[in-house]
C-alpha atoms as a PDB file:
ATOM      1  CA  MET A   1       0.000   0.000   0.000  1.00  0.00           C
ATOM      2  CA  GLU A   2       1.297   3.411  -0.985  1.00  0.00           C
ATOM      3  CA  ASN A   3       1.808   6.113   1.659  1.00  0.00           C
ATOM      4  CA  ARG A   4      -0.137   9.216   0.751  1.00  0.00           C
ATOM      5  CA  ILE A   5       0.983  12.570   2.029  1.00  0.00           C
ATOM      6  CA  ASP A   6      -1.655  14.990   3.241  1.00  0.00           C
ATOM      7  CA  TYR A   7      -0.401  18.469   2.403  1.00  0.00           C
ATOM      8  CA  THR A   8      -3.329  20.296   3.993  1.00  0.00           C
ATOM      9  CA  GLU A   9      -1.767  20.819   7.441  1.00  0.00           C
ATOM     10  CA  GLN A  10       1.559  22.009   6.030  1.00  0.00           C
ATOM     11  CA  ALA A  11      -0.211  24.382   3.629  1.00  0.00           C
ATOM     12  CA  ALA A  12      -2.217  25.837   6.532  1.00  0.00           C
ATOM     13  CA  LEU A  13       1.012  26.483   8.439  1.00  0.00           C
ATOM     14  CA  LEU A  14       2.574  28.198   5.438  1.00  0.00           C
ATOM     15  CA  LYS A  15      -0.565  30.283   4.965  1.00  0.00           C
ATOM     16  CA  ALA A  16      -0.497  31.357   8.627  1.00  0.00           C
ATOM     17  CA  LEU A  17       3.132  32.474   8.310  1.00  0.00           C
ATOM     18  CA  SER A  18       2.767  34.052   4.858  1.00  0.00           C
ATOM     19  CA  ASN A  19       1.691  37.456   6.186  1.00  0.00           C
ATOM     20  CA  PRO A  20       4.595  39.789   7.115  1.00  0.00           C
ATOM     21  CA  VAL A  21       2.960  40.936  10.371  1.00  0.00           C
ATOM     22  CA  ARG A  22       2.224  37.376  11.487  1.00  0.00           C
ATOM     23  CA  LEU A  23       5.751  36.313  10.568  1.00  0.00           C
ATOM     24  CA  GLN A  24       7.145  39.214  12.601  1.00  0.00           C
ATOM     25  CA  ILE A  25       4.951  38.291  15.590  1.00  0.00           C
ATOM     26  CA  VAL A  26       5.966  34.631  15.488  1.00  0.00           C
ATOM     27  CA  HIS A  27       9.645  35.478  15.042  1.00  0.00           C
ATOM     28  CA  ALA A  28       9.524  37.818  18.059  1.00  0.00           C
ATOM     29  CA  LEU A  29       7.734  35.210  20.181  1.00  0.00           C
ATOM     30  CA  LEU A  30      10.275  32.559  19.237  1.00  0.00           C
ATOM     31  CA  ARG A  31      13.171  34.831  20.130  1.00  0.00           C
ATOM     32  CA  SER A  32      11.822  36.228  23.394  1.00  0.00           C
ATOM     33  CA  GLY A  33       9.132  33.896  24.692  1.00  0.00           C
ATOM     34  CA  CYS A  34       5.826  34.879  26.231  1.00  0.00           C
ATOM     35  CA  ARG A  35       4.494  38.337  25.382  1.00  0.00           C
ATOM     36  CA  ASN A  36       1.292  40.296  25.685  1.00  0.00           C
ATOM     37  CA  VAL A  37      -0.364  42.421  23.007  1.00  0.00           C
ATOM     38  CA  SER A  38       0.962  45.675  24.515  1.00  0.00           C
ATOM     39  CA  CYS A  39       4.526  44.414  24.044  1.00  0.00           C
ATOM     40  CA  MET A  40       3.724  43.444  20.468  1.00  0.00           C
ATOM     41  CA  GLU A  41       2.218  46.881  19.776  1.00  0.00           C
ATOM     42  CA  GLN A  42       5.499  48.528  20.715  1.00  0.00           C
ATOM     43  CA  GLY A  43       7.560  46.027  18.729  1.00  0.00           C
ATOM     44  CA  THR A  44       5.516  46.165  15.526  1.00  0.00           C
ATOM     45  CA  GLY A  45       3.975  49.641  15.563  1.00  0.00           C
ATOM     46  CA  MET A  46       0.623  48.022  14.776  1.00  0.00           C
ATOM     47  CA  SER A  47      -2.617  48.673  16.646  1.00  0.00           C
ATOM     48  CA  GLN A  48      -3.953  46.347  19.306  1.00  0.00           C
ATOM     49  CA  SER A  49      -6.916  45.327  17.142  1.00  0.00           C
ATOM     50  CA  CYS A  50      -4.669  44.533  14.168  1.00  0.00           C
ATOM     51  CA  ILE A  51      -2.344  42.401  16.297  1.00  0.00           C
ATOM     52  CA  SER A  52      -5.287  40.630  17.921  1.00  0.00           C
ATOM     53  CA  GLN A  53      -6.689  39.673  14.511  1.00  0.00           C
ATOM     54  CA  HIS A  54      -3.339  38.244  13.450  1.00  0.00           C
ATOM     55  CA  LEU A  55      -2.953  36.381  16.745  1.00  0.00           C
ATOM     56  CA  GLN A  56      -6.374  34.797  16.254  1.00  0.00           C
ATOM     57  CA  LYS A  57      -5.286  33.442  12.875  1.00  0.00           C
ATOM     58  CA  LEU A  58      -2.052  32.146  14.389  1.00  0.00           C
ATOM     59  CA  ARG A  59      -3.967  30.488  17.239  1.00  0.00           C
ATOM     60  CA  SER A  60      -6.369  28.854  14.784  1.00  0.00           C
ATOM     61  CA  ALA A  61      -3.410  27.415  12.894  1.00  0.00           C
ATOM     62  CA  GLY A  62      -1.845  26.116  16.125  1.00  0.00           C
ATOM     63  CA  VAL A  63       1.218  28.333  15.744  1.00  0.00           C
ATOM     64  CA  VAL A  64       0.733  30.231  19.018  1.00  0.00           C
ATOM     65  CA  SER A  65      -1.030  29.525  22.290  1.00  0.00           C
ATOM     66  CA  ALA A  66      -2.410  31.912  24.880  1.00  0.00           C
ATOM     67  CA  GLN A  67      -2.540  31.964  28.656  1.00  0.00           C
ATOM     68  CA  ARG A  68      -4.565  34.421  30.710  1.00  0.00           C
ATOM     69  CA  SER A  69      -3.052  35.992  33.815  1.00  0.00           C
ATOM     70  CA  GLY A  70      -5.553  38.362  35.433  1.00  0.00           C
ATOM     71  CA  ASN A  71      -6.542  40.924  32.803  1.00  0.00           C
ATOM     72  CA  GLU A  72      -3.585  40.145  30.557  1.00  0.00           C
ATOM     73  CA  VAL A  73      -3.269  37.436  27.928  1.00  0.00           C
ATOM     74  CA  TYR A  74       0.240  36.197  27.219  1.00  0.00           C
ATOM     75  CA  TYR A  75       1.106  34.507  23.942  1.00  0.00           C
ATOM     76  CA  ARG A  76       3.873  32.103  23.112  1.00  0.00           C
ATOM     77  CA  ALA A  77       4.948  30.192  20.034  1.00  0.00           C
ATOM     78  CA  SER A  78       3.794  26.598  20.308  1.00  0.00           C
ATOM     79  CA  SER A  79       4.649  24.942  16.997  1.00  0.00           C
ATOM     80  CA  ARG A  80       7.962  23.187  16.440  1.00  0.00           C
ATOM     81  CA  ASP A  81       7.206  23.051  12.711  1.00  0.00           C
ATOM     82  CA  ALA A  82       6.717  26.827  12.633  1.00  0.00           C
ATOM     83  CA  ALA A  83       9.951  27.285  14.595  1.00  0.00           C
ATOM     84  CA  SER A  84      11.831  25.169  12.058  1.00  0.00           C
ATOM     85  CA  LEU A  85      10.419  27.154   9.140  1.00  0.00           C
ATOM     86  CA  VAL A  86      11.173  30.525  10.729  1.00  0.00           C
ATOM     87  CA  ALA A  87      14.696  29.399  11.616  1.00  0.00           C
ATOM     88  CA  ALA A  88      15.288  28.392   8.001  1.00  0.00           C
ATOM     89  CA  LEU A  89      13.914  31.714   6.703  1.00  0.00           C
ATOM     90  CA  PHE A  90      16.171  33.793   8.952  1.00  0.00           C
ATOM     91  CA  ASN A  91      19.189  31.484   8.911  1.00  0.00           C
ATOM     92  CA  GLU A  92      18.925  30.947  12.669  1.00  0.00           C
ATOM     93  CA  GLU A  93      19.027  27.878  14.911  1.00  0.00           C
ATOM     94  CA  ALA A  94      15.608  26.658  16.033  1.00  0.00           C
ATOM     95  CA  ALA A  95      17.297  25.247  19.153  1.00  0.00           C
ATOM     96  CA  ASN A  96      17.831  28.846  20.335  1.00  0.00           C
ATOM     97  CA  TYR A  97      14.127  29.652  20.175  1.00  0.00           C
ATOM     98  CA  VAL A  98      11.674  29.721  23.085  1.00  0.00           C
ATOM     99  CA  LEU A  99       8.800  27.285  22.698  1.00  0.00           C
END
């Protein structure tokens, strides 16, 4: 029996990372760990609502996860596959990233 490869999951990951803002968010999370939206606003220059929309897409794709602490929500990169792709794009070592 022939092994068939399902490309759907990998394509969804590529689609999630294909936006420059989302790529910047994921790269920053991988390099520095857990962050809240206020931190991301300062780092990207984007509005809170814009960042929140991008984070929702990244959460749906399983690239980031969120944890609530009081009124704040902290995000972190949660996909080893995404970390490997980002490392390859920026010629970095995925082992140095925070997951």
